[in-house]
Protein backbone atom coordinates (compact mmCIF):
# COMPACT_ATOMS: atom_id res chain seq x y z
CA MET A 1 9.02 -17.09 39.62
CA ARG A 2 11.63 -19.14 38.25
CA PHE A 3 11.30 -21.97 35.95
CA THR A 4 13.44 -25.23 36.75
CA PHE A 5 13.70 -28.01 35.23
CA ALA A 6 12.34 -31.50 37.54
CA GLU A 7 16.34 -33.16 36.63
CA GLU A 8 19.04 -30.49 36.45
CA ALA A 9 21.83 -31.39 34.86
CA PRO A 10 25.13 -31.26 37.08
CA VAL A 11 27.03 -28.17 36.67
CA VAL A 12 30.07 -28.78 34.21
CA ARG A 13 32.91 -26.73 34.77
CA ARG A 14 33.86 -25.69 31.73
CA ASN A 15 37.43 -24.52 30.63
CA PRO A 16 37.90 -20.64 31.20
CA MET A 17 39.68 -20.35 27.50
CA LEU A 18 36.87 -22.01 25.88
CA THR A 19 34.35 -19.70 28.09
CA LEU A 20 36.60 -16.77 26.78
CA ALA A 21 36.65 -17.86 23.29
CA ARG A 22 32.81 -18.11 22.75
CA ARG A 23 32.22 -14.76 24.58
CA ALA A 24 34.69 -13.20 21.91
CA PHE A 25 32.89 -15.11 18.90
CA ASP A 26 29.33 -13.75 20.20
CA PHE A 27 30.88 -10.17 20.23
CA VAL A 28 32.27 -10.33 16.93
CA VAL A 29 28.83 -11.96 15.62
CA ILE A 30 26.72 -9.14 17.42
CA GLY A 31 29.42 -6.91 15.91
CA ALA A 32 28.89 -7.99 12.24
CA VAL A 33 24.86 -8.13 12.77
CA LEU A 34 25.35 -4.49 14.04
CA TYR A 35 27.30 -3.41 11.08
CA ALA A 36 25.05 -5.16 8.83
CA ALA A 37 22.07 -3.22 10.19
CA VAL A 38 24.29 0.18 9.48
CA GLU A 39 24.51 -0.92 6.20
CA THR A 40 21.40 -1.23 5.76
CA VAL A 41 20.11 1.65 6.57
CA VAL A 42 22.72 3.75 4.96
CA PHE A 43 21.97 1.77 1.50
CA LEU A 44 18.35 2.48 2.31
CA ARG A 45 18.65 5.92 2.64
CA GLY A 46 20.62 5.92 -0.49
CA LEU A 47 17.98 4.74 -2.47
CA VAL A 48 15.27 7.19 -1.12
CA GLY A 49 17.74 10.22 -1.08
């Protein structure tokens, strides 16, 4: 079952460079979050050990 809006907006063709930049930005953000998670685990292990 797929959820659809009653009035779907027409698909707007985006600039490929903008899409690529957005994807790169998302990867940078995800990488930063993962790095912060690893740093947090290392810090907590240092407190315990």
